[in-house]
Amino acid sequence: MSESPAEAVHDGAREGKRRNVFARIALFVRQVVGELRKVVTPTRSELINYTIVVLVFVTVVMLFVTALDYVIGLGVLAVFGD
């Protein structure tokens, strides 16, 4: 469908010149559109599962950071006092 960046560089090097800025922009846009056509949107159940996984992970990390902050705070108070 469209050239890969390696092919575009190789073709330009073979001809001894670089593509002009508009040709490079057009190539970029064609490649972006080609990649966007490959995107598959998740189903409703997949989206709900992904959301739950993210919320659980964020909660676990938040609890870990809170515990770490509490322990470091206790250590600072023990070293430097009130």
Protein backbone atom coordinates (compact mmCIF):
# COMPACT_ATOMS: atom_id res chain seq x y z
CA MET A 1 0.00 0.00 0.00
CA SER A 2 2.65 2.50 1.01
CA GLU A 3 6.39 2.55 1.24
CA SER A 4 8.18 1.88 4.46
CA PRO A 5 10.58 4.59 5.69
CA ALA A 6 13.51 2.34 4.79
CA GLU A 7 12.27 1.99 1.21
CA ALA A 8 11.70 5.74 0.95
CA VAL A 9 15.25 6.49 2.10
CA HIS A 10 16.67 3.81 -0.16
CA ASP A 11 14.78 5.07 -3.21
CA GLY A 12 15.86 8.65 -2.50
CA ALA A 13 19.48 7.60 -2.09
CA ARG A 14 19.39 5.64 -5.34
CA GLU A 15 18.14 8.67 -7.25
CA GLY A 16 20.73 10.91 -5.57
CA LYS A 17 18.16 13.34 -4.16
CA ARG A 18 15.78 13.61 -1.24
CA ARG A 19 12.05 13.88 -1.60
CA ASN A 20 10.67 17.36 -1.15
CA VAL A 21 8.94 18.25 2.11
CA PHE A 22 5.42 17.83 0.71
CA ALA A 23 6.15 14.35 -0.63
CA ARG A 24 7.54 13.34 2.76
CA ILE A 25 4.46 14.73 4.54
CA ALA A 26 2.16 12.89 2.10
CA LEU A 27 4.10 9.65 2.69
CA PHE A 28 3.81 10.13 6.44
CA VAL A 29 0.05 10.72 6.23
CA ARG A 30 -0.42 7.63 4.03
CA GLN A 31 1.52 5.53 6.53
CA VAL A 32 -0.49 6.90 9.46
CA VAL A 33 -3.78 6.11 7.70
CA GLY A 34 -2.51 2.62 6.89
CA GLU A 35 -1.63 1.99 10.53
CA LEU A 36 -4.95 3.36 11.77
CA ARG A 37 -6.79 0.89 9.54
CA LYS A 38 -5.09 -1.93 11.46
CA VAL A 39 -6.48 -0.74 14.82
CA VAL A 40 -9.13 -3.01 16.32
CA THR A 41 -11.49 -1.45 18.84
CA PRO A 42 -12.17 -3.58 21.93
CA THR A 43 -15.59 -5.00 22.63
CA ARG A 44 -17.60 -3.69 25.55
CA SER A 45 -16.65 -6.64 27.78
CA GLU A 46 -12.95 -6.28 26.90
CA LEU A 47 -13.10 -2.58 27.68
CA ILE A 48 -14.70 -3.26 31.07
CA ASN A 49 -12.05 -5.91 31.85
CA TYR A 50 -9.20 -3.58 30.86
CA THR A 51 -10.67 -0.79 32.97
CA ILE A 52 -10.95 -3.05 36.02
CA VAL A 53 -7.36 -4.25 35.58
CA VAL A 54 -6.08 -0.68 35.36
CA LEU A 55 -8.06 0.46 38.42
CA VAL A 56 -6.82 -2.50 40.48
CA PHE A 57 -3.23 -1.90 39.42
CA VAL A 58 -3.41 1.82 40.23
CA THR A 59 -4.93 1.06 43.63
CA VAL A 60 -2.18 -1.46 44.46
CA VAL A 61 0.57 0.97 43.43
CA MET A 62 -1.11 3.77 45.39
CA LEU A 63 -1.23 1.60 48.53
CA PHE A 64 2.43 0.63 48.06
CA VAL A 65 3.54 4.27 47.71
CA THR A 66 1.43 5.27 50.73
CA ALA A 67 3.00 2.53 52.87
CA LEU A 68 6.47 3.47 51.68
CA ASP A 69 5.81 7.14 52.48
CA TYR A 70 4.57 6.20 55.97
CA VAL A 71 7.63 4.06 56.71
CA ILE A 72 10.05 6.72 55.42
CA GLY A 73 8.19 9.33 57.50
CA LEU A 74 8.59 7.19 60.62
CA GLY A 75 12.29 6.78 59.84
CA VAL A 76 12.78 10.53 59.41
CA LEU A 77 11.00 11.21 62.72
CA ALA A 78 13.14 8.57 64.45
CA VAL A 79 16.38 10.12 63.10
CA PHE A 80 15.57 13.81 63.45
CA GLY A 81 12.97 13.67 66.25
CA ASP A 82 9.89 15.85 66.67
